[in-house]
N, C-alpha and C. Protein backbone atom coordinates (compact mmCIF):
# COMPACT_ATOMS: atom_id res chain seq x y z
N UNK A 1 27.72 -37.64 -8.84
CA UNK A 1 26.47 -38.36 -8.72
C UNK A 1 25.45 -37.94 -9.77
N UNK A 2 24.82 -38.91 -10.42
CA UNK A 2 23.89 -38.61 -11.47
C UNK A 2 22.53 -38.12 -10.90
N UNK A 3 21.89 -37.24 -11.69
CA UNK A 3 20.50 -36.81 -11.33
C UNK A 3 19.68 -36.72 -12.61
N UNK A 4 18.41 -36.70 -12.43
CA UNK A 4 17.50 -36.55 -13.55
C UNK A 4 16.99 -35.19 -13.70
N UNK A 5 17.09 -34.54 -14.87
CA UNK A 5 16.67 -33.23 -15.15
C UNK A 5 15.64 -33.24 -16.35
N UNK A 6 14.91 -32.11 -16.50
CA UNK A 6 14.08 -31.91 -17.63
C UNK A 6 14.87 -31.86 -18.88
N UNK A 7 14.42 -32.50 -19.95
CA UNK A 7 15.15 -32.38 -21.24
C UNK A 7 15.34 -30.95 -21.68
N UNK A 8 16.45 -30.69 -22.39
CA UNK A 8 16.73 -29.26 -22.74
C UNK A 8 16.13 -28.85 -24.01
N UNK A 9 15.71 -29.72 -24.85
CA UNK A 9 15.11 -29.34 -26.14
C UNK A 9 13.99 -28.36 -25.98
N UNK A 10 13.77 -27.44 -26.94
CA UNK A 10 12.66 -26.50 -26.87
C UNK A 10 11.27 -27.14 -26.76
N UNK A 11 11.15 -28.35 -27.27
CA UNK A 11 9.89 -29.05 -27.19
C UNK A 11 9.41 -29.28 -25.75
N UNK A 12 10.43 -29.44 -24.83
CA UNK A 12 10.11 -29.75 -23.43
C UNK A 12 10.07 -28.53 -22.55
N UNK A 13 10.04 -27.32 -23.15
CA UNK A 13 10.09 -26.04 -22.35
C UNK A 13 8.89 -25.94 -21.43
N UNK A 14 7.73 -26.35 -21.84
CA UNK A 14 6.47 -26.23 -21.05
C UNK A 14 6.10 -27.56 -20.41
N UNK A 15 7.00 -28.46 -20.31
CA UNK A 15 6.62 -29.81 -19.73
C UNK A 15 6.29 -29.71 -18.23
N UNK A 16 5.36 -30.52 -17.85
CA UNK A 16 4.92 -30.60 -16.47
C UNK A 16 5.35 -31.97 -15.92
N UNK A 17 5.65 -32.02 -14.60
CA UNK A 17 6.11 -33.29 -13.99
C UNK A 17 4.87 -34.01 -13.46
N UNK A 18 4.79 -35.28 -13.74
CA UNK A 18 3.63 -36.15 -13.26
C UNK A 18 4.19 -37.43 -12.73
N UNK A 19 3.43 -37.98 -11.76
CA UNK A 19 3.61 -39.37 -11.34
C UNK A 19 2.49 -40.13 -12.00
N UNK A 20 2.84 -41.04 -12.95
CA UNK A 20 1.86 -41.74 -13.76
C UNK A 20 2.10 -43.26 -13.74
N UNK A 21 0.98 -44.01 -13.87
CA UNK A 21 1.10 -45.46 -13.88
C UNK A 21 0.81 -45.93 -15.34
N UNK A 22 1.75 -46.63 -15.90
CA UNK A 22 1.59 -47.18 -17.26
C UNK A 22 1.56 -48.73 -17.12
N UNK A 23 0.36 -49.32 -17.51
CA UNK A 23 0.25 -50.75 -17.41
C UNK A 23 -0.31 -51.41 -18.68
N UNK A 24 0.12 -50.87 -19.80
CA UNK A 24 -0.27 -51.45 -21.09
C UNK A 24 0.97 -51.78 -21.84
N UNK A 25 0.98 -52.92 -22.53
CA UNK A 25 2.25 -53.40 -23.17
C UNK A 25 2.62 -52.53 -24.39
N UNK A 26 1.76 -51.70 -24.87
CA UNK A 26 2.14 -50.90 -26.03
C UNK A 26 3.01 -49.71 -25.67
N UNK A 27 3.14 -49.40 -24.37
CA UNK A 27 3.98 -48.30 -23.95
C UNK A 27 5.32 -48.82 -23.53
N UNK A 28 6.41 -48.11 -23.72
CA UNK A 28 7.72 -48.63 -23.34
C UNK A 28 8.06 -48.64 -21.90
N UNK A 29 7.15 -48.04 -21.06
CA UNK A 29 7.31 -48.05 -19.61
C UNK A 29 6.18 -48.92 -19.06
N UNK A 30 6.47 -49.59 -18.00
CA UNK A 30 5.47 -50.35 -17.28
C UNK A 30 5.60 -50.18 -15.81
N UNK A 31 4.59 -49.66 -15.14
CA UNK A 31 4.72 -49.42 -13.68
C UNK A 31 4.51 -47.95 -13.47
N UNK A 32 4.90 -47.51 -12.23
CA UNK A 32 4.68 -46.13 -11.81
C UNK A 32 6.00 -45.36 -12.00
N UNK A 33 5.98 -44.22 -12.71
CA UNK A 33 7.15 -43.45 -12.99
C UNK A 33 6.89 -41.95 -12.82
N UNK A 34 7.96 -41.24 -12.48
CA UNK A 34 7.93 -39.76 -12.52
C UNK A 34 8.32 -39.42 -13.94
N UNK A 35 7.47 -38.68 -14.68
CA UNK A 35 7.75 -38.39 -16.06
C UNK A 35 7.40 -36.91 -16.34
N UNK A 36 8.09 -36.37 -17.40
CA UNK A 36 7.78 -35.05 -17.92
C UNK A 36 6.80 -35.22 -19.03
N UNK A 37 5.74 -34.39 -19.04
CA UNK A 37 4.69 -34.54 -20.10
C UNK A 37 4.40 -33.14 -20.71
N UNK A 38 4.33 -33.15 -22.05
CA UNK A 38 3.88 -32.05 -22.82
C UNK A 38 2.57 -32.39 -23.47
N UNK A 39 1.52 -31.73 -23.05
CA UNK A 39 0.21 -32.07 -23.64
C UNK A 39 -0.05 -31.18 -24.85
N UNK A 40 -0.36 -31.82 -25.99
CA UNK A 40 -0.71 -31.10 -27.16
C UNK A 40 -2.18 -31.33 -27.49
N UNK A 41 -2.50 -31.00 -28.76
CA UNK A 41 -3.94 -31.09 -29.16
C UNK A 41 -4.24 -32.58 -29.45
N UNK A 42 -3.32 -33.28 -30.19
CA UNK A 42 -3.56 -34.69 -30.47
C UNK A 42 -2.65 -35.65 -29.74
N UNK A 43 -1.47 -35.21 -29.32
CA UNK A 43 -0.53 -36.06 -28.69
C UNK A 43 -0.10 -35.59 -27.35
N UNK A 44 0.35 -36.48 -26.47
CA UNK A 44 1.02 -36.19 -25.27
C UNK A 44 2.43 -36.79 -25.40
N UNK A 45 3.46 -35.92 -25.21
CA UNK A 45 4.83 -36.40 -25.31
C UNK A 45 5.30 -36.73 -23.89
N UNK A 46 5.88 -37.90 -23.72
CA UNK A 46 6.27 -38.39 -22.41
C UNK A 46 7.77 -38.57 -22.42
N UNK A 47 8.44 -38.22 -21.31
CA UNK A 47 9.89 -38.42 -21.17
C UNK A 47 10.21 -38.66 -19.69
N UNK A 48 11.12 -39.59 -19.45
CA UNK A 48 11.59 -39.79 -18.07
C UNK A 48 12.58 -38.67 -17.67
N UNK A 49 13.06 -37.95 -18.69
CA UNK A 49 14.03 -36.88 -18.42
C UNK A 49 15.35 -37.26 -18.99
N UNK A 50 16.38 -36.43 -18.59
CA UNK A 50 17.74 -36.66 -18.98
C UNK A 50 18.56 -37.09 -17.75
N UNK A 51 19.38 -38.04 -17.91
CA UNK A 51 20.28 -38.43 -16.81
C UNK A 51 21.53 -37.69 -16.96
N UNK A 52 21.85 -36.82 -15.95
CA UNK A 52 22.98 -35.87 -16.07
C UNK A 52 24.00 -36.25 -15.01
N UNK A 53 25.26 -36.41 -15.52
CA UNK A 53 26.42 -36.54 -14.64
C UNK A 53 27.29 -35.31 -14.83
N UNK A 54 28.44 -35.35 -14.19
CA UNK A 54 29.32 -34.18 -14.27
C UNK A 54 29.74 -33.83 -15.72
N UNK A 55 29.99 -34.82 -16.55
CA UNK A 55 30.45 -34.57 -17.91
C UNK A 55 29.62 -35.20 -18.99
N UNK A 56 28.45 -35.74 -18.64
CA UNK A 56 27.63 -36.42 -19.67
C UNK A 56 26.16 -36.16 -19.43
N UNK A 57 25.39 -36.13 -20.55
CA UNK A 57 23.92 -35.99 -20.52
C UNK A 57 23.35 -36.98 -21.45
N UNK A 58 22.49 -37.87 -20.97
CA UNK A 58 21.91 -38.88 -21.78
C UNK A 58 20.42 -38.93 -21.65
N UNK A 59 19.69 -39.06 -22.77
CA UNK A 59 18.27 -39.11 -22.73
C UNK A 59 17.74 -40.42 -22.24
N UNK A 60 16.77 -40.42 -21.35
CA UNK A 60 16.11 -41.65 -20.99
C UNK A 60 14.89 -41.86 -21.90
N UNK A 61 14.05 -42.85 -21.60
CA UNK A 61 12.95 -43.21 -22.43
C UNK A 61 12.05 -42.03 -22.77
N UNK A 62 11.75 -41.92 -24.03
CA UNK A 62 10.80 -40.89 -24.56
C UNK A 62 9.88 -41.53 -25.53
N UNK A 63 8.63 -41.16 -25.52
CA UNK A 63 7.61 -41.61 -26.47
C UNK A 63 6.44 -40.68 -26.51
N UNK A 64 5.55 -40.91 -27.49
CA UNK A 64 4.34 -40.16 -27.46
C UNK A 64 3.16 -41.06 -27.49
N UNK A 65 2.05 -40.60 -26.97
CA UNK A 65 0.79 -41.31 -26.89
C UNK A 65 -0.32 -40.41 -27.27
N UNK A 66 -1.43 -40.89 -27.69
CA UNK A 66 -2.51 -40.02 -28.08
C UNK A 66 -3.06 -39.33 -26.80
N UNK A 67 -3.54 -38.16 -26.98
CA UNK A 67 -4.07 -37.39 -25.82
C UNK A 67 -5.27 -38.11 -25.15
N UNK A 68 -5.98 -38.84 -26.00
CA UNK A 68 -7.11 -39.69 -25.43
C UNK A 68 -6.63 -40.71 -24.48
N UNK A 69 -5.52 -41.40 -24.89
CA UNK A 69 -4.96 -42.40 -23.99
C UNK A 69 -4.36 -41.76 -22.71
N UNK A 70 -3.75 -40.58 -22.87
CA UNK A 70 -3.19 -39.88 -21.68
C UNK A 70 -4.30 -39.49 -20.68
N UNK A 71 -5.41 -39.04 -21.20
CA UNK A 71 -6.54 -38.67 -20.32
C UNK A 71 -7.14 -39.86 -19.67
N UNK A 72 -7.17 -41.01 -20.39
CA UNK A 72 -7.77 -42.24 -19.81
C UNK A 72 -6.89 -42.98 -18.81
N UNK A 73 -5.61 -42.56 -18.68
CA UNK A 73 -4.75 -43.28 -17.72
C UNK A 73 -5.43 -43.26 -16.33
N UNK A 74 -5.47 -44.42 -15.72
CA UNK A 74 -6.23 -44.53 -14.43
C UNK A 74 -5.60 -43.79 -13.32
N UNK A 75 -4.28 -43.64 -13.30
CA UNK A 75 -3.67 -43.02 -12.10
C UNK A 75 -2.57 -42.05 -12.63
N UNK A 76 -2.79 -40.76 -12.47
CA UNK A 76 -1.71 -39.79 -12.79
C UNK A 76 -2.02 -38.59 -11.92
N UNK A 77 -0.96 -38.00 -11.40
CA UNK A 77 -1.13 -36.78 -10.62
C UNK A 77 0.09 -35.90 -10.82
N UNK A 78 -0.14 -34.56 -10.75
CA UNK A 78 0.99 -33.63 -10.88
C UNK A 78 1.97 -33.84 -9.72
N UNK A 79 3.26 -33.72 -9.98
CA UNK A 79 4.25 -33.92 -9.01
C UNK A 79 5.07 -32.65 -8.88
N UNK A 80 5.16 -32.11 -7.64
CA UNK A 80 5.87 -30.88 -7.40
C UNK A 80 7.15 -31.17 -6.58
N UNK A 81 8.31 -31.02 -7.23
CA UNK A 81 9.57 -31.30 -6.48
C UNK A 81 9.72 -30.43 -5.32
N UNK A 82 9.32 -29.15 -5.40
CA UNK A 82 9.47 -28.17 -4.33
C UNK A 82 8.67 -28.56 -3.09
N UNK A 83 7.47 -29.09 -3.32
CA UNK A 83 6.63 -29.51 -2.15
C UNK A 83 7.26 -30.65 -1.42
N UNK A 84 7.82 -31.60 -2.17
CA UNK A 84 8.46 -32.78 -1.57
C UNK A 84 9.68 -32.32 -0.79
N UNK A 85 10.47 -31.34 -1.39
CA UNK A 85 11.69 -30.86 -0.67
C UNK A 85 11.28 -30.13 0.62
N UNK A 86 10.16 -29.42 0.59
CA UNK A 86 9.67 -28.72 1.82
C UNK A 86 9.28 -29.71 2.89
N UNK A 87 8.65 -30.74 2.52
CA UNK A 87 8.27 -31.79 3.51
C UNK A 87 9.49 -32.45 4.10
N UNK A 88 10.47 -32.69 3.24
CA UNK A 88 11.66 -33.32 3.71
C UNK A 88 12.45 -32.43 4.75
N UNK A 89 12.52 -31.17 4.47
CA UNK A 89 13.23 -30.27 5.36
C UNK A 89 12.44 -30.05 6.66
N UNK A 90 11.14 -30.15 6.59
CA UNK A 90 10.34 -29.92 7.82
C UNK A 90 10.10 -31.21 8.60
N UNK A 91 10.61 -32.31 8.13
CA UNK A 91 10.41 -33.59 8.73
C UNK A 91 11.24 -33.64 10.07
N UNK A 92 10.58 -34.27 11.05
CA UNK A 92 11.28 -34.41 12.38
C UNK A 92 12.27 -35.62 12.35
N UNK A 93 12.30 -36.41 11.31
CA UNK A 93 13.16 -37.54 11.21
C UNK A 93 14.59 -37.13 10.80
N UNK A 94 14.84 -35.90 10.37
CA UNK A 94 16.14 -35.48 9.95
C UNK A 94 17.05 -35.14 11.08
């Protein structure tokens, strides 16, 4: 079964996970996505991550946008996989 992981390149070492909404045609993504973001001084690097299967690793959409545009995005919030996993294990629906 395939899963999405943080890219392995050293550029993505300090990447943070965000849930962000992209609704401008100049970006290659449109809609709400979970993305990895590296914030720099002038640019924000965005990646959906790498799709990893048992014997293959392929990069999903990656692009960069100016840090001003990243700050102006109307809806973005940090996403913590561990918090979501804790809620799932503590849920009474399981």
